[in-house]
């Protein structure tokens, strides 16, 4: 179906997702990571550039083609692929806005897989209009992906969901009491999305007991292990069955001027 993955063998495919927190600020890191990790498809979130300002030339020099949905503000998403990009769709039918639809979802066919890169609204605080928008957005996303997921289409919805699925996905549940990202309505919205025919591919941790993907920049939280798992890969049945490994590349969170998120990498062996 695809050529790629770490060994370059037919059927071996590596997909990944990474909230880069500004693609321009993280461009040297991105190019270096593509060369070192060799994903076939990488989903990016919070690119913070317009499509015209996306560093397409640098990505192409690394061997990838990009599909970009960005408006230059704090959001923006992209898919970069070395196994082709076709049928690119920016946004989705019924997508709500705040008040207008934002650059939060892009999908494309990449080497036989339908790949989505999503940046779910943060929610800000319980009871705020943005929190209601987050729940509405997730419900609309479920409606958009459920037909393909239920039909068994090889599908992966990847990105920053701004939801920790369970208490084990935050460093201290008590510290999040009354906060977004862990509230029952948010977790139920994620559970409803999974019930449409998707599996949360839980990666292994390279250090520590839990595979956290995000650590706030403040107070040395990364080095103290005070993180969250909010970057997810949700796979339809044929993709979930093909997973051979999944991990959080914690090394990418280290060094000078990193993103506050680490990439999630998933290896597949497809028929």
Protein backbone atom coordinates (compact mmCIF):
# COMPACT_ATOMS: atom_id res chain seq x y z
CA UNK A 1 0.00 0.00 0.00
CA UNK A 2 2.77 2.43 0.96
CA UNK A 3 6.50 2.63 0.88
CA UNK A 4 8.14 4.17 3.86
CA UNK A 5 8.68 3.66 7.53
CA UNK A 6 12.06 3.29 9.18
CA UNK A 7 13.17 0.46 6.93
CA UNK A 8 11.59 1.68 3.69
CA UNK A 9 9.81 -1.65 3.12
CA UNK A 10 6.43 -1.98 1.41
CA UNK A 11 3.68 -1.92 4.01
CA UNK A 12 5.76 -0.29 6.75
CA UNK A 13 4.38 3.18 7.41
CA UNK A 14 5.29 5.73 10.06
CA UNK A 15 2.80 8.46 10.94
CA UNK A 16 3.33 11.16 13.53
CA UNK A 17 1.71 14.22 15.04
CA UNK A 18 3.36 17.28 16.59
CA UNK A 19 2.09 20.59 17.89
CA UNK A 20 5.11 22.68 16.92
CA UNK A 21 3.90 25.94 18.51
CA UNK A 22 4.94 28.05 15.47
CA UNK A 23 6.42 26.33 12.44
CA UNK A 24 8.67 29.29 11.70
CA UNK A 25 10.13 29.37 15.20
CA UNK A 26 10.64 25.61 15.13
CA UNK A 27 11.71 25.22 11.49
CA UNK A 28 15.32 24.08 12.10
CA UNK A 29 14.05 21.56 14.62
CA UNK A 30 11.34 20.38 12.24
CA UNK A 31 13.75 19.79 9.35
CA UNK A 32 16.18 18.02 11.66
CA UNK A 33 13.42 15.85 13.11
CA UNK A 34 12.12 14.85 9.67
CA UNK A 35 15.60 13.71 8.68
CA UNK A 36 16.19 11.80 11.90
CA UNK A 37 12.77 10.19 12.39
CA UNK A 38 11.76 9.66 8.74
CA UNK A 39 7.98 9.76 9.16
CA UNK A 40 5.99 9.02 6.03
CA UNK A 41 3.28 11.43 7.18
CA UNK A 42 3.54 14.13 9.85
CA UNK A 43 0.58 16.12 11.12
CA UNK A 44 1.38 19.57 12.49
CA UNK A 45 -0.68 21.84 14.70
CA UNK A 46 -0.43 25.44 15.87
CA UNK A 47 1.66 26.36 12.85
CA UNK A 48 0.73 30.05 13.32
CA UNK A 49 1.26 31.02 9.67
CA UNK A 50 -0.85 31.47 6.58
CA UNK A 51 -0.66 28.85 3.87
CA UNK A 52 1.39 31.28 1.76
CA UNK A 53 3.92 31.77 4.58
CA UNK A 54 4.34 28.07 5.35
CA UNK A 55 7.97 26.97 4.72
CA UNK A 56 7.04 24.73 1.80
CA UNK A 57 10.45 25.03 0.12
CA UNK A 58 12.29 23.75 3.18
CA UNK A 59 9.79 20.92 3.64
CA UNK A 60 10.06 19.98 -0.03
CA UNK A 61 13.85 19.98 0.21
CA UNK A 62 13.46 17.41 2.98
CA UNK A 63 11.40 15.22 0.62
CA UNK A 64 7.88 16.13 1.71
CA UNK A 65 4.81 17.76 0.20
CA UNK A 66 2.57 19.89 2.42
CA UNK A 67 -1.17 20.49 2.67
CA UNK A 68 -1.70 23.59 4.80
CA UNK A 69 -4.69 25.26 6.45
CA UNK A 70 -3.58 28.40 8.24
CA UNK A 71 -4.75 31.95 8.80
CA UNK A 72 -1.63 33.36 10.46
CA UNK A 73 -3.04 33.51 13.98
CA UNK A 74 -2.45 31.20 16.95
CA UNK A 75 -3.89 28.10 15.29
CA UNK A 76 -3.31 26.48 11.90
CA UNK A 77 -2.73 22.88 10.85
CA UNK A 78 -0.79 21.04 8.17
CA UNK A 79 0.02 17.58 6.83
CA UNK A 80 3.42 16.85 5.33
CA UNK A 81 3.83 13.62 3.43
CA UNK A 82 6.48 11.76 1.45
CA UNK A 83 3.95 9.20 0.17
CA UNK A 84 1.77 11.67 -1.73
CA UNK A 85 -1.12 13.99 -0.86
CA UNK A 86 -4.46 13.91 -2.63
CA UNK A 87 -8.05 15.01 -2.03
CA UNK A 88 -7.03 17.74 0.41
CA UNK A 89 -9.92 19.17 2.42
CA UNK A 90 -9.59 22.17 4.69
CA UNK A 91 -12.12 22.20 7.49
CA UNK A 92 -15.16 19.93 7.35
CA UNK A 93 -18.92 20.18 6.73
CA UNK A 94 -20.80 21.53 9.71
CA UNK A 95 -17.66 22.86 11.40
CA UNK A 96 -18.65 25.53 13.94
CA UNK A 97 -16.74 28.77 14.35
CA UNK A 98 -15.95 31.38 16.97
CA UNK A 99 -17.80 33.06 15.36
CA UNK A 100 -16.34 32.04 11.98
CA UNK A 101 -14.64 28.68 11.30
CA UNK A 102 -10.97 28.69 12.24
CA UNK A 103 -7.98 26.86 10.73
CA UNK A 104 -8.27 23.76 12.90
CA UNK A 105 -8.62 20.76 10.59
CA UNK A 106 -7.12 19.52 7.34
CA UNK A 107 -7.43 16.04 5.85
CA UNK A 108 -5.90 14.25 2.88
CA UNK A 109 -5.24 10.86 1.32
CA UNK A 110 -1.62 9.90 1.95
CA UNK A 111 -0.42 6.64 0.50
CA UNK A 112 -3.67 4.77 1.05
CA UNK A 113 -4.54 6.30 4.43
CA UNK A 114 -7.00 9.07 5.14
CA UNK A 115 -5.13 11.38 7.49
CA UNK A 116 -6.59 14.20 9.55
CA UNK A 117 -4.56 16.84 11.39
CA UNK A 118 -6.70 18.59 14.02
CA UNK A 119 -6.19 21.29 16.60
CA UNK A 120 -9.14 21.11 18.98
CA UNK A 121 -10.13 24.39 20.66
CA UNK A 122 -8.57 24.89 24.08
CA UNK A 123 -11.79 25.68 25.94
CA UNK A 124 -10.12 28.30 28.16
CA UNK A 125 -12.29 27.88 31.26
CA UNK A 126 -15.37 25.95 32.30
CA UNK A 127 -18.53 27.85 31.46
CA UNK A 128 -16.88 30.20 28.97
CA UNK A 129 -18.23 30.57 25.43
CA UNK A 130 -15.00 29.03 24.17
CA UNK A 131 -15.66 25.92 26.27
CA UNK A 132 -19.09 25.52 24.67
CA UNK A 133 -17.44 26.04 21.27
CA UNK A 134 -14.96 23.26 22.06
CA UNK A 135 -17.73 20.77 22.81
CA UNK A 136 -19.69 21.82 19.72
CA UNK A 137 -16.56 21.49 17.57
CA UNK A 138 -15.85 17.98 18.85
CA UNK A 139 -19.44 16.91 18.18
CA UNK A 140 -19.20 18.22 14.62
CA UNK A 141 -15.87 16.43 14.13
CA UNK A 142 -17.52 13.18 15.21
CA UNK A 143 -20.22 13.64 12.60
CA UNK A 144 -17.59 14.36 9.94
CA UNK A 145 -15.38 11.31 10.56
CA UNK A 146 -17.91 8.72 11.72
CA UNK A 147 -19.09 7.53 8.26
CA UNK A 148 -15.55 6.66 7.16
CA UNK A 149 -14.60 5.22 10.55
CA UNK A 150 -17.72 3.07 10.72
CA UNK A 151 -17.10 1.83 7.17
CA UNK A 152 -13.61 0.63 8.11
CA UNK A 153 -11.75 3.15 5.98
CA UNK A 154 -8.02 3.21 6.84
CA UNK A 155 -8.17 6.44 8.80
CA UNK A 156 -6.16 8.27 11.46
CA UNK A 157 -7.26 11.46 13.20
CA UNK A 158 -4.13 12.99 14.69
CA UNK A 159 -3.45 16.11 16.64
CA UNK A 160 -3.66 18.23 19.74
CA UNK A 161 -7.03 17.39 21.27
CA UNK A 162 -6.60 19.54 24.38
CA UNK A 163 -8.16 16.69 26.37
CA UNK A 164 -6.45 14.28 28.73
CA UNK A 165 -8.50 11.09 28.26
CA UNK A 166 -8.05 9.80 31.84
CA UNK A 167 -6.63 10.85 35.19
CA UNK A 168 -3.48 8.87 34.43
CA UNK A 169 -2.90 11.27 31.52
CA UNK A 170 -2.13 14.23 33.82
CA UNK A 171 0.70 14.53 36.31
CA UNK A 172 -1.63 15.31 39.25
CA UNK A 173 -5.42 15.03 38.86
CA UNK A 174 -5.94 17.19 41.95
CA UNK A 175 -4.11 20.07 40.28
CA UNK A 176 -6.72 20.12 37.50
CA UNK A 177 -9.84 20.22 39.65
CA UNK A 178 -12.31 22.65 38.07
CA UNK A 179 -10.17 23.10 34.97
CA UNK A 180 -10.61 22.35 31.31
CA UNK A 181 -8.93 19.40 29.55
CA UNK A 182 -10.15 16.93 32.19
CA UNK A 183 -13.81 17.82 32.68
CA UNK A 184 -16.43 15.08 32.26
CA UNK A 185 -18.13 16.77 29.25
CA UNK A 186 -14.80 17.02 27.39
CA UNK A 187 -13.90 13.43 28.14
CA UNK A 188 -17.37 12.33 27.10
CA UNK A 189 -17.02 14.19 23.81
CA UNK A 190 -13.77 12.32 23.19
CA UNK A 191 -15.42 9.03 24.18
CA UNK A 192 -18.24 9.74 21.71
CA UNK A 193 -15.66 10.33 18.98
CA UNK A 194 -13.98 7.02 19.78
CA UNK A 195 -17.37 5.27 19.78
CA UNK A 196 -17.75 6.29 16.14
CA UNK A 197 -15.21 3.57 15.29
CA UNK A 198 -11.83 4.88 16.42
CA UNK A 199 -9.17 3.64 18.85
CA UNK A 200 -6.92 5.84 20.96
CA UNK A 201 -3.45 4.52 20.13
CA UNK A 202 -1.71 4.89 23.48
CA UNK A 203 2.04 5.37 22.98
CA UNK A 204 4.75 4.07 25.26
CA UNK A 205 6.72 6.48 27.40
CA UNK A 206 10.45 6.73 26.76
CA UNK A 207 10.93 8.05 30.30
CA UNK A 208 8.67 8.09 33.32
CA UNK A 209 5.55 6.08 34.03
CA UNK A 210 3.17 7.86 31.61
CA UNK A 211 3.48 8.91 27.95
CA UNK A 212 2.93 12.63 28.44
CA UNK A 213 3.07 14.78 25.30
CA UNK A 214 2.83 18.31 26.73
CA UNK A 215 4.69 20.14 29.47
CA UNK A 216 4.14 23.82 30.27
CA UNK A 217 7.19 26.02 29.82
CA UNK A 218 6.89 27.36 33.36
CA UNK A 219 8.69 26.29 36.52
CA UNK A 220 10.72 23.49 35.00
CA UNK A 221 7.65 21.33 34.55
CA UNK A 222 9.26 19.22 31.82
CA UNK A 223 12.23 18.23 33.96
CA UNK A 224 9.94 17.58 36.94
CA UNK A 225 7.69 15.26 34.91
CA UNK A 226 4.65 17.51 35.31
CA UNK A 227 3.00 16.82 31.98
CA UNK A 228 -0.20 15.81 30.21
CA UNK A 229 -1.14 13.45 27.38
CA UNK A 230 -3.27 15.59 25.10
CA UNK A 231 -1.74 14.85 21.67
CA UNK A 232 -3.50 11.78 20.31
CA UNK A 233 -3.66 9.45 17.33
CA UNK A 234 -7.16 8.03 16.87
CA UNK A 235 -7.18 5.13 14.41
CA UNK A 236 -9.95 3.28 12.61
CA UNK A 237 -10.06 -0.50 13.00
CA UNK A 238 -7.73 -1.47 10.10
CA UNK A 239 -5.14 1.10 11.18
CA UNK A 240 -5.34 0.22 14.87
CA UNK A 241 -4.85 -3.45 14.00
CA UNK A 242 -1.72 -2.58 12.01
CA UNK A 243 0.11 -0.74 14.85
CA UNK A 244 3.47 -2.30 15.64
CA UNK A 245 4.83 0.45 17.89
CA UNK A 246 3.87 3.87 19.24
CA UNK A 247 5.92 6.22 21.36
CA UNK A 248 6.35 9.81 22.47
CA UNK A 249 9.61 11.29 21.16
CA UNK A 250 10.47 13.06 24.38
CA UNK A 251 13.91 14.01 23.07
CA UNK A 252 12.28 16.56 20.76
CA UNK A 253 11.05 18.49 23.82
CA UNK A 254 14.64 19.07 24.99
CA UNK A 255 17.25 21.62 24.00
CA UNK A 256 17.05 25.27 23.06
CA UNK A 257 13.69 26.84 22.20
CA UNK A 258 11.62 23.65 21.90
CA UNK A 259 7.89 23.40 21.40
CA UNK A 260 6.01 22.71 24.61
CA UNK A 261 4.73 19.51 22.95
CA UNK A 262 6.59 16.37 21.88
CA UNK A 263 5.81 14.34 18.74
CA UNK A 264 3.77 11.16 18.94
CA UNK A 265 5.04 8.52 16.51
CA UNK A 266 3.07 5.47 15.36
CA UNK A 267 4.51 2.65 13.25
CA UNK A 268 2.18 0.54 11.12
CA UNK A 269 2.54 -2.65 9.12
CA UNK A 270 -0.20 -2.56 6.53
CA UNK A 271 -1.20 -5.39 4.25
